[in-house]
Every structure is written in C-alpha cells, then in structure tokens.
C-alpha cells in the first residue's frame, strides 16, 4: 500500500450502513491490517441476526455504540462510516470531536436530522427488488450479491425516523475525507447545495474536507476493497502519531 511510513497509523473503526454487520468490512479489514493498521469493525445495536426487538433500538443507541468504540481506542482513531451510518457517525463526531483523529465517509456524508421522519414501522427490511432497481451494484459478483441478500438484517425503525441533536460546532473541524463511489465528488457537492437532503446536509458545515473519487458501486468494501483500504490507510497514516 502507498503512504508515508514516518508516522504510526491511527486506529481505524469501521461502521457499516443499513442492514449490515461488521462482517461487511472483512476484506477491507484484512487489507488494513496487512498495511499495519489496528482495526475494529462494528455491528451496531439491532443489526445482529439474533436481535429480537429492533423496535426498541434508537438512533441514540447507534451514536452511543460508536462513541463507546471511539473512547475505547488507546489513541484518537479514524472513524469510517458507510451509507446511512453517516448520520450516527456525524452525531458521534459531535459528541467526541476531541477524541477523533479524522472521519471518513464512504459513499455518504454527514447526515443531519432524520433519514425518513415519516417511517412508522418497527423495522425496515431490505427490499431487494427496490434496491437492485435503484442502487448502483457495479462490480459486485453474483456470490457477493447472494451473500448480501442472505446476511442482511432489518434496520431498526427508530434509526430511520429519529433525529439526533447536534450541539458542538467543533465536530466541523474534524478532518473529513469523503470517498465518492456511486456519485462523483462534483455531484456530491452539487447535491449538497439542494435544500431538504438530510443525508448530505452536514457537508456545508465541514471546515476541513478532502474529496476522493473511487468510481464503483455503493458497496466499495466488496467491489473495490483493496483500493478502498488504500485510501483509508493513507488517512490513518496521515493522522497518526509521530514515533518517539
């Protein structure tokens, strides 16, 4: 992998998007560890297959789980969030901005408010017909698509409809890298200028942003895991500690 060897890489925390657990990051985590990074992948509350009451899981629960992982790290980590985890990840940066080395948004952005305030069900199952018709699946093999369908679990409804309050403007000084895969960086910036797009709303607030284009699907951890890991590892090295 590329990148400077003059620093010790910051730890990396990987957070998957809707319907996914820590397993979704397996290939990327392997690449990062081979590059010398310490890696923790999270399964957020309600996203384990054996969860019995997803209706009781809240958006705050997701934020708290991410904050706990950040605070458990022995030094400030790079927090990597994918897809709709951009909401909880950005809220976590509001809670513990001084504990973060950097943020990485993988085909997502800092979300503000609720994804869908009108959603009323206890959980949101993955609708494969709609997903495959609407989302970019470029580069995913039949085997990967089958695994996705088999292992996906419903998303807690509270996470879909609830907003998390933000209070600490210091979150916007956390160095942030946006890795753009199913849309280009130019498209992201243009979409962020539109009003009412909650999952992009925080882009205009950030004060330290780097944009990276990595053309592929919305799930680059499967379609381009090595290339994605290279970008993340470079961020981790760039925000790591100098050796004693």
C-alpha atoms as a PDB file:
ATOM      1  CA  UNK A   1       0.000   0.000   0.000  1.00  0.00           C
ATOM      2  CA  UNK A   2       1.017   3.586  -0.548  1.00  0.00           C
ATOM      3  CA  UNK A   3       1.542   6.236   2.082  1.00  0.00           C
ATOM      4  CA  UNK A   4       4.161   7.630   4.419  1.00  0.00           C
ATOM      5  CA  UNK A   5       5.964   5.363   6.875  1.00  0.00           C
ATOM      6  CA  UNK A   6       7.073   8.255   9.098  1.00  0.00           C
ATOM      7  CA  UNK A   7       4.094   8.004  11.415  1.00  0.00           C
ATOM      8  CA  UNK A   8       2.258   5.321  13.295  1.00  0.00           C
ATOM      9  CA  UNK A   9      -1.166   4.909  11.721  1.00  0.00           C
ATOM     10  CA  UNK A  10      -4.163   5.939  13.764  1.00  0.00           C
ATOM     11  CA  UNK A  11      -6.510   3.092  14.739  1.00  0.00           C
ATOM     12  CA  UNK A  12      -9.410   2.574  12.349  1.00  0.00           C
ATOM     13  CA  UNK A  13     -13.053   1.987  13.327  1.00  0.00           C
ATOM     14  CA  UNK A  14     -15.301   0.687  10.530  1.00  0.00           C
ATOM     15  CA  UNK A  15     -19.077   1.213  10.698  1.00  0.00           C
ATOM     16  CA  UNK A  16     -21.346  -0.354   8.050  1.00  0.00           C
ATOM     17  CA  UNK A  17     -24.555   1.080   6.662  1.00  0.00           C
ATOM     18  CA  UNK A  18     -28.120  -0.226   6.710  1.00  0.00           C
ATOM     19  CA  UNK A  19     -28.764  -3.969   7.032  1.00  0.00           C
ATOM     20  CA  UNK A  20     -25.115  -4.842   7.578  1.00  0.00           C
ATOM     21  CA  UNK A  21     -22.894  -6.019  10.412  1.00  0.00           C
ATOM     22  CA  UNK A  22     -19.154  -5.942  10.997  1.00  0.00           C
ATOM     23  CA  UNK A  23     -18.789  -8.831   8.538  1.00  0.00           C
ATOM     24  CA  UNK A  24     -19.357  -6.427   5.638  1.00  0.00           C
ATOM     25  CA  UNK A  25     -15.871  -4.976   6.226  1.00  0.00           C
ATOM     26  CA  UNK A  26     -13.980  -8.293   6.333  1.00  0.00           C
ATOM     27  CA  UNK A  27     -11.972  -7.808   3.130  1.00  0.00           C
ATOM     28  CA  UNK A  28     -11.152  -4.180   3.858  1.00  0.00           C
ATOM     29  CA  UNK A  29     -10.165  -5.015   7.435  1.00  0.00           C
ATOM     30  CA  UNK A  30      -7.785  -7.714   6.189  1.00  0.00           C
ATOM     31  CA  UNK A  31      -6.139  -5.241   3.807  1.00  0.00           C
ATOM     32  CA  UNK A  32      -5.838  -2.586   6.512  1.00  0.00           C
ATOM     33  CA  UNK A  33      -4.260  -4.986   8.991  1.00  0.00           C
ATOM     34  CA  UNK A  34      -1.779  -6.079   6.346  1.00  0.00           C
ATOM     35  CA  UNK A  35      -0.871  -2.387   5.999  1.00  0.00           C
ATOM     36  CA  UNK A  36      -0.182  -2.157   9.721  1.00  0.00           C
ATOM     37  CA  UNK A  37      -3.440  -0.574  10.889  1.00  0.00           C
ATOM     38  CA  UNK A  38      -5.306  -1.525  14.046  1.00  0.00           C
ATOM     39  CA  UNK A  39      -8.894  -2.208  13.009  1.00  0.00           C
ATOM     40  CA  UNK A  40     -12.217  -2.509  14.811  1.00  0.00           C
ATOM     41  CA  UNK A  41     -15.381  -3.249  12.818  1.00  0.00           C
ATOM     42  CA  UNK A  42     -18.733  -2.619  14.495  1.00  0.00           C
ATOM     43  CA  UNK A  43     -22.102  -4.303  14.379  1.00  0.00           C
ATOM     44  CA  UNK A  44     -24.432  -1.575  15.590  1.00  0.00           C
ATOM     45  CA  UNK A  45     -27.316  -2.284  18.011  1.00  0.00           C
ATOM     46  CA  UNK A  46     -30.173  -4.132  16.342  1.00  0.00           C
ATOM     47  CA  UNK A  47     -28.067  -5.345  13.432  1.00  0.00           C
ATOM     48  CA  UNK A  48     -27.218  -8.761  14.844  1.00  0.00           C
ATOM     49  CA  UNK A  49     -29.258 -11.605  13.322  1.00  0.00           C
ATOM     50  CA  UNK A  50     -30.398 -12.705  16.789  1.00  0.00           C
ATOM     51  CA  UNK A  51     -31.883  -9.314  17.772  1.00  0.00           C
ATOM     52  CA  UNK A  52     -35.447  -9.891  18.999  1.00  0.00           C
ATOM     53  CA  UNK A  53     -36.800  -6.364  19.479  1.00  0.00           C
ATOM     54  CA  UNK A  54     -35.457  -3.994  16.840  1.00  0.00           C
ATOM     55  CA  UNK A  55     -38.329  -1.649  17.580  1.00  0.00           C
ATOM     56  CA  UNK A  56     -36.651  -0.736  20.880  1.00  0.00           C
ATOM     57  CA  UNK A  57     -33.388   0.351  19.258  1.00  0.00           C
ATOM     58  CA  UNK A  58     -32.949   4.099  18.857  1.00  0.00           C
ATOM     59  CA  UNK A  59     -30.756   6.389  16.796  1.00  0.00           C
ATOM     60  CA  UNK A  60     -29.130   7.433  20.074  1.00  0.00           C
ATOM     61  CA  UNK A  61     -28.193   3.786  20.650  1.00  0.00           C
ATOM     62  CA  UNK A  62     -26.206   3.800  17.404  1.00  0.00           C
ATOM     63  CA  UNK A  63     -24.452   7.038  18.318  1.00  0.00           C
ATOM     64  CA  UNK A  64     -23.614   5.720  21.784  1.00  0.00           C
ATOM     65  CA  UNK A  65     -22.168   2.498  20.360  1.00  0.00           C
ATOM     66  CA  UNK A  66     -19.894   4.426  18.024  1.00  0.00           C
ATOM     67  CA  UNK A  67     -18.800   6.813  20.791  1.00  0.00           C
ATOM     68  CA  UNK A  68     -18.013   3.862  23.053  1.00  0.00           C
ATOM     69  CA  UNK A  69     -15.756   2.354  20.384  1.00  0.00           C
ATOM     70  CA  UNK A  70     -14.001   5.691  19.858  1.00  0.00           C
ATOM     71  CA  UNK A  71     -13.435   6.151  23.580  1.00  0.00           C
ATOM     72  CA  UNK A  72     -12.168   2.585  23.939  1.00  0.00           C
ATOM     73  CA  UNK A  73      -9.340   3.230  21.464  1.00  0.00           C
ATOM     74  CA  UNK A  74      -5.948   3.848  23.060  1.00  0.00           C
ATOM     75  CA  UNK A  75      -5.425   6.941  20.893  1.00  0.00           C
ATOM     76  CA  UNK A  76      -7.625   9.010  18.582  1.00  0.00           C
ATOM     77  CA  UNK A  77      -8.948   6.798  15.762  1.00  0.00           C
ATOM     78  CA  UNK A  78     -10.114   7.354  12.225  1.00  0.00           C
ATOM     79  CA  UNK A  79     -13.873   6.751  12.164  1.00  0.00           C
ATOM     80  CA  UNK A  80     -15.070   5.276   8.860  1.00  0.00           C
ATOM     81  CA  UNK A  81     -18.815   5.277   8.174  1.00  0.00           C
ATOM     82  CA  UNK A  82     -20.683   3.886   5.185  1.00  0.00           C
ATOM     83  CA  UNK A  83     -24.051   4.841   3.698  1.00  0.00           C
ATOM     84  CA  UNK A  84     -26.747   5.754   6.244  1.00  0.00           C
ATOM     85  CA  UNK A  85     -24.246   5.381   9.092  1.00  0.00           C
ATOM     86  CA  UNK A  86     -23.261   8.909   8.066  1.00  0.00           C
ATOM     87  CA  UNK A  87     -25.998  10.153  10.405  1.00  0.00           C
ATOM     88  CA  UNK A  88     -24.789   8.331  13.522  1.00  0.00           C
ATOM     89  CA  UNK A  89     -21.149   8.895  12.618  1.00  0.00           C
ATOM     90  CA  UNK A  90     -21.574  12.648  12.292  1.00  0.00           C
ATOM     91  CA  UNK A  91     -23.510  12.729  15.566  1.00  0.00           C
ATOM     92  CA  UNK A  92     -20.678  10.799  17.217  1.00  0.00           C
ATOM     93  CA  UNK A  93     -18.222  13.429  15.979  1.00  0.00           C
ATOM     94  CA  UNK A  94     -20.449  15.990  17.719  1.00  0.00           C
ATOM     95  CA  UNK A  95     -20.171  14.073  21.000  1.00  0.00           C
ATOM     96  CA  UNK A  96     -16.439  13.284  20.964  1.00  0.00           C
ATOM     97  CA  UNK A  97     -14.734  15.647  18.472  1.00  0.00           C
ATOM     98  CA  UNK A  98     -11.532  15.814  20.506  1.00  0.00           C
ATOM     99  CA  UNK A  99     -11.251  12.012  20.552  1.00  0.00           C
ATOM    100  CA  UNK A 100     -11.209  11.647  16.761  1.00  0.00           C
ATOM    101  CA  UNK A 101      -8.167  11.780  14.509  1.00  0.00           C
ATOM    102  CA  UNK A 102     -10.321  12.003  11.377  1.00  0.00           C
ATOM    103  CA  UNK A 103     -13.588  10.969   9.757  1.00  0.00           C
ATOM    104  CA  UNK A 104     -14.009   9.032   6.519  1.00  0.00           C
ATOM    105  CA  UNK A 105     -17.401   8.957   4.805  1.00  0.00           C
ATOM    106  CA  UNK A 106     -17.718   6.070   2.320  1.00  0.00           C
ATOM    107  CA  UNK A 107     -20.286   6.964  -0.365  1.00  0.00           C
ATOM    108  CA  UNK A 108     -22.112   9.030   2.204  1.00  0.00           C
ATOM    109  CA  UNK A 109     -21.879  12.331   4.029  1.00  0.00           C
ATOM    110  CA  UNK A 110     -22.545  13.883   7.440  1.00  0.00           C
ATOM    111  CA  UNK A 111     -26.285  13.445   7.841  1.00  0.00           C
ATOM    112  CA  UNK A 112     -28.359  15.958   9.806  1.00  0.00           C
ATOM    113  CA  UNK A 113     -31.878  15.316  11.071  1.00  0.00           C
ATOM    114  CA  UNK A 114     -33.749  12.117  10.260  1.00  0.00           C
ATOM    115  CA  UNK A 115     -33.444   9.980   7.156  1.00  0.00           C
ATOM    116  CA  UNK A 116     -37.218   9.460   6.931  1.00  0.00           C
ATOM    117  CA  UNK A 117     -39.266  11.116   9.704  1.00  0.00           C
ATOM    118  CA  UNK A 118     -42.488   9.609   8.315  1.00  0.00           C
ATOM    119  CA  UNK A 119     -41.334   5.997   8.766  1.00  0.00           C
ATOM    120  CA  UNK A 120     -43.518   4.287  11.389  1.00  0.00           C
ATOM    121  CA  UNK A 121     -42.675   0.579  11.369  1.00  0.00           C
ATOM    122  CA  UNK A 122     -40.547  -1.153  13.997  1.00  0.00           C
ATOM    123  CA  UNK A 123     -38.008  -2.185  11.393  1.00  0.00           C
ATOM    124  CA  UNK A 124     -37.034  -1.667   7.765  1.00  0.00           C
ATOM    125  CA  UNK A 125     -36.268  -4.929   5.946  1.00  0.00           C
ATOM    126  CA  UNK A 126     -34.058  -4.832   2.897  1.00  0.00           C
ATOM    127  CA  UNK A 127     -36.278  -4.815  -0.209  1.00  0.00           C
ATOM    128  CA  UNK A 128     -34.072  -6.500  -2.775  1.00  0.00           C
ATOM    129  CA  UNK A 129     -36.297  -5.691  -5.760  1.00  0.00           C
ATOM    130  CA  UNK A 130     -36.225  -1.963  -4.995  1.00  0.00           C
ATOM    131  CA  UNK A 131     -32.579  -1.962  -4.030  1.00  0.00           C
ATOM    132  CA  UNK A 132     -31.393  -3.697  -7.178  1.00  0.00           C
ATOM    133  CA  UNK A 133     -33.531  -1.390  -9.323  1.00  0.00           C
ATOM    134  CA  UNK A 134     -32.378   1.842  -7.685  1.00  0.00           C
ATOM    135  CA  UNK A 135     -28.821   1.338  -6.412  1.00  0.00           C
ATOM    136  CA  UNK A 136     -25.509   1.083  -8.218  1.00  0.00           C
ATOM    137  CA  UNK A 137     -24.349  -2.552  -7.995  1.00  0.00           C
ATOM    138  CA  UNK A 138     -21.360  -2.183 -10.328  1.00  0.00           C
ATOM    139  CA  UNK A 139     -18.539  -4.600  -9.649  1.00  0.00           C
ATOM    140  CA  UNK A 140     -20.385  -6.903  -7.256  1.00  0.00           C
ATOM    141  CA  UNK A 141     -20.125 -10.593  -8.125  1.00  0.00           C
ATOM    142  CA  UNK A 142     -23.125 -12.956  -8.064  1.00  0.00           C
ATOM    143  CA  UNK A 143     -21.606 -14.529  -4.947  1.00  0.00           C
ATOM    144  CA  UNK A 144     -21.320 -11.175  -3.195  1.00  0.00           C
ATOM    145  CA  UNK A 145     -24.884 -10.258  -4.102  1.00  0.00           C
ATOM    146  CA  UNK A 146     -26.096 -13.608  -2.763  1.00  0.00           C
ATOM    147  CA  UNK A 147     -24.218 -13.100   0.498  1.00  0.00           C
ATOM    148  CA  UNK A 148     -25.684  -9.613   0.827  1.00  0.00           C
ATOM    149  CA  UNK A 149     -29.210 -10.950   0.442  1.00  0.00           C
ATOM    150  CA  UNK A 150     -28.629 -13.848   2.809  1.00  0.00           C
ATOM    151  CA  UNK A 151     -26.914 -11.920   5.610  1.00  0.00           C
ATOM    152  CA  UNK A 152     -28.794  -8.611   5.536  1.00  0.00           C
ATOM    153  CA  UNK A 153     -30.999  -7.984   8.569  1.00  0.00           C
ATOM    154  CA  UNK A 154     -33.774  -5.400   9.019  1.00  0.00           C
ATOM    155  CA  UNK A 155     -32.755  -1.925  10.137  1.00  0.00           C
ATOM    156  CA  UNK A 156     -34.314  -0.697  13.407  1.00  0.00           C
ATOM    157  CA  UNK A 157     -37.164   1.671  12.629  1.00  0.00           C
ATOM    158  CA  UNK A 158     -36.060   4.219  15.200  1.00  0.00           C
ATOM    159  CA  UNK A 159     -32.781   4.677  13.368  1.00  0.00           C
ATOM    160  CA  UNK A 160     -34.696   5.511  10.180  1.00  0.00           C
ATOM    161  CA  UNK A 161     -37.094   8.097  11.623  1.00  0.00           C
ATOM    162  CA  UNK A 162     -35.301   9.666  14.592  1.00  0.00           C
ATOM    163  CA  UNK A 163     -33.083  12.733  14.527  1.00  0.00           C
ATOM    164  CA  UNK A 164     -30.162  13.222  16.879  1.00  0.00           C
ATOM    165  CA  UNK A 165     -29.492  16.705  18.210  1.00  0.00           C
ATOM    166  CA  UNK A 166     -26.108  18.260  17.467  1.00  0.00           C
ATOM    167  CA  UNK A 167     -24.514  20.709  19.877  1.00  0.00           C
ATOM    168  CA  UNK A 168     -20.738  21.017  19.474  1.00  0.00           C
ATOM    169  CA  UNK A 169     -19.534  23.009  16.469  1.00  0.00           C
ATOM    170  CA  UNK A 170     -16.066  21.508  16.991  1.00  0.00           C
ATOM    171  CA  UNK A 171     -17.303  18.494  15.027  1.00  0.00           C
ATOM    172  CA  UNK A 172     -16.830  20.534  11.864  1.00  0.00           C
ATOM    173  CA  UNK A 173     -13.097  20.887  12.486  1.00  0.00           C
ATOM    174  CA  UNK A 174     -12.550  17.109  12.494  1.00  0.00           C
ATOM    175  CA  UNK A 175     -10.580  16.356   9.301  1.00  0.00           C
ATOM    176  CA  UNK A 176     -13.027  14.607   6.967  1.00  0.00           C
ATOM    177  CA  UNK A 177     -12.485  12.592   3.793  1.00  0.00           C
ATOM    178  CA  UNK A 178     -15.458  11.868   1.549  1.00  0.00           C
ATOM    179  CA  UNK A 179     -14.889   8.839  -0.694  1.00  0.00           C
ATOM    180  CA  UNK A 180     -17.303   9.138  -3.597  1.00  0.00           C
ATOM    181  CA  UNK A 181     -18.126   5.851  -5.300  1.00  0.00           C
ATOM    182  CA  UNK A 182     -21.613   5.729  -6.828  1.00  0.00           C
ATOM    183  CA  UNK A 183     -21.584   9.510  -7.402  1.00  0.00           C
ATOM    184  CA  UNK A 184     -18.652  11.768  -8.216  1.00  0.00           C
ATOM    185  CA  UNK A 185     -17.311  14.387  -5.839  1.00  0.00           C
ATOM    186  CA  UNK A 186     -18.647  17.055  -8.178  1.00  0.00           C
ATOM    187  CA  UNK A 187     -22.126  15.520  -7.999  1.00  0.00           C
ATOM    188  CA  UNK A 188     -21.957  15.295  -4.208  1.00  0.00           C
ATOM    189  CA  UNK A 189     -21.062  18.959  -3.915  1.00  0.00           C
ATOM    190  CA  UNK A 190     -23.880  19.922  -6.274  1.00  0.00           C
ATOM    191  CA  UNK A 191     -26.459  17.784  -4.463  1.00  0.00           C
ATOM    192  CA  UNK A 192     -25.361  19.238  -1.119  1.00  0.00           C
ATOM    193  CA  UNK A 193     -26.479  22.682  -2.292  1.00  0.00           C
ATOM    194  CA  UNK A 194     -30.073  21.465  -2.530  1.00  0.00           C
ATOM    195  CA  UNK A 195     -32.342  22.034   0.439  1.00  0.00           C
ATOM    196  CA  UNK A 196     -34.052  19.175   2.241  1.00  0.00           C
ATOM    197  CA  UNK A 197     -31.483  16.442   1.504  1.00  0.00           C
ATOM    198  CA  UNK A 198     -30.857  15.317   5.074  1.00  0.00           C
ATOM    199  CA  UNK A 199     -28.097  12.807   4.407  1.00  0.00           C
ATOM    200  CA  UNK A 200     -25.973  15.494   2.711  1.00  0.00           C
ATOM    201  CA  UNK A 201     -26.871  18.389   4.973  1.00  0.00           C
ATOM    202  CA  UNK A 202     -23.660  18.423   7.002  1.00  0.00           C
ATOM    203  CA  UNK A 203     -21.329  18.823   4.031  1.00  0.00           C
ATOM    204  CA  UNK A 204     -21.717  22.588   4.009  1.00  0.00           C
ATOM    205  CA  UNK A 205     -20.797  22.717   7.708  1.00  0.00           C
ATOM    206  CA  UNK A 206     -17.437  20.934   7.441  1.00  0.00           C
ATOM    207  CA  UNK A 207     -14.316  23.101   7.525  1.00  0.00           C
ATOM    208  CA  UNK A 208     -11.610  20.527   6.751  1.00  0.00           C
ATOM    209  CA  UNK A 209     -12.631  18.317   3.818  1.00  0.00           C
ATOM    210  CA  UNK A 210     -10.823  16.155   1.270  1.00  0.00           C
ATOM    211  CA  UNK A 211     -12.668  14.576  -1.652  1.00  0.00           C
ATOM    212  CA  UNK A 212     -11.678  11.252  -3.238  1.00  0.00           C
ATOM    213  CA  UNK A 213     -13.303   9.756  -6.333  1.00  0.00           C
ATOM    214  CA  UNK A 214     -13.354   5.944  -6.394  1.00  0.00           C
ATOM    215  CA  UNK A 215     -15.835   5.015  -9.167  1.00  0.00           C
ATOM    216  CA  UNK A 216     -17.668   1.778  -8.350  1.00  0.00           C
ATOM    217  CA  UNK A 217     -20.814   0.618  -6.553  1.00  0.00           C
ATOM    218  CA  UNK A 218     -22.416   1.908  -3.360  1.00  0.00           C
ATOM    219  CA  UNK A 219     -20.675  -1.006  -1.624  1.00  0.00           C
ATOM    220  CA  UNK A 220     -16.979  -0.476  -2.395  1.00  0.00           C
ATOM    221  CA  UNK A 221     -15.988  -2.685   0.538  1.00  0.00           C
ATOM    222  CA  UNK A 222     -16.992  -5.565  -1.760  1.00  0.00           C
ATOM    223  CA  UNK A 223     -16.446  -4.208  -5.265  1.00  0.00           C
ATOM    224  CA  UNK A 224     -13.071  -2.485  -4.660  1.00  0.00           C
ATOM    225  CA  UNK A 225     -11.898  -3.497  -1.176  1.00  0.00           C
ATOM    226  CA  UNK A 226      -8.184  -3.096  -1.781  1.00  0.00           C
ATOM    227  CA  UNK A 227      -8.482   0.357  -3.330  1.00  0.00           C
ATOM    228  CA  UNK A 228     -10.812   1.476  -0.544  1.00  0.00           C
ATOM    229  CA  UNK A 229      -8.378   0.177   2.066  1.00  0.00           C
ATOM    230  CA  UNK A 230      -5.528   2.112   0.424  1.00  0.00           C
ATOM    231  CA  UNK A 231      -7.451   5.378   0.845  1.00  0.00           C
ATOM    232  CA  UNK A 232      -8.409   4.616   4.449  1.00  0.00           C
ATOM    233  CA  UNK A 233      -4.857   3.530   5.341  1.00  0.00           C
ATOM    234  CA  UNK A 234      -3.461   6.739   3.887  1.00  0.00           C
ATOM    235  CA  UNK A 235      -5.861   8.765   6.049  1.00  0.00           C
ATOM    236  CA  UNK A 236      -4.881   6.711   9.108  1.00  0.00           C
ATOM    237  CA  UNK A 237      -1.178   7.327   8.429  1.00  0.00           C
ATOM    238  CA  UNK A 238      -1.744  10.991   7.698  1.00  0.00           C
ATOM    239  CA  UNK A 239      -3.459  11.454  11.073  1.00  0.00           C
ATOM    240  CA  UNK A 240      -1.335   9.074  13.101  1.00  0.00           C
ATOM    241  CA  UNK A 241       1.211   9.853  15.779  1.00  0.00           C
ATOM    242  CA  UNK A 242       4.876  10.507  15.080  1.00  0.00           C
ATOM    243  CA  UNK A 243       7.107   7.770  16.505  1.00  0.00           C
ATOM    244  CA  UNK A 244       9.000   8.552  19.681  1.00  0.00           C
END
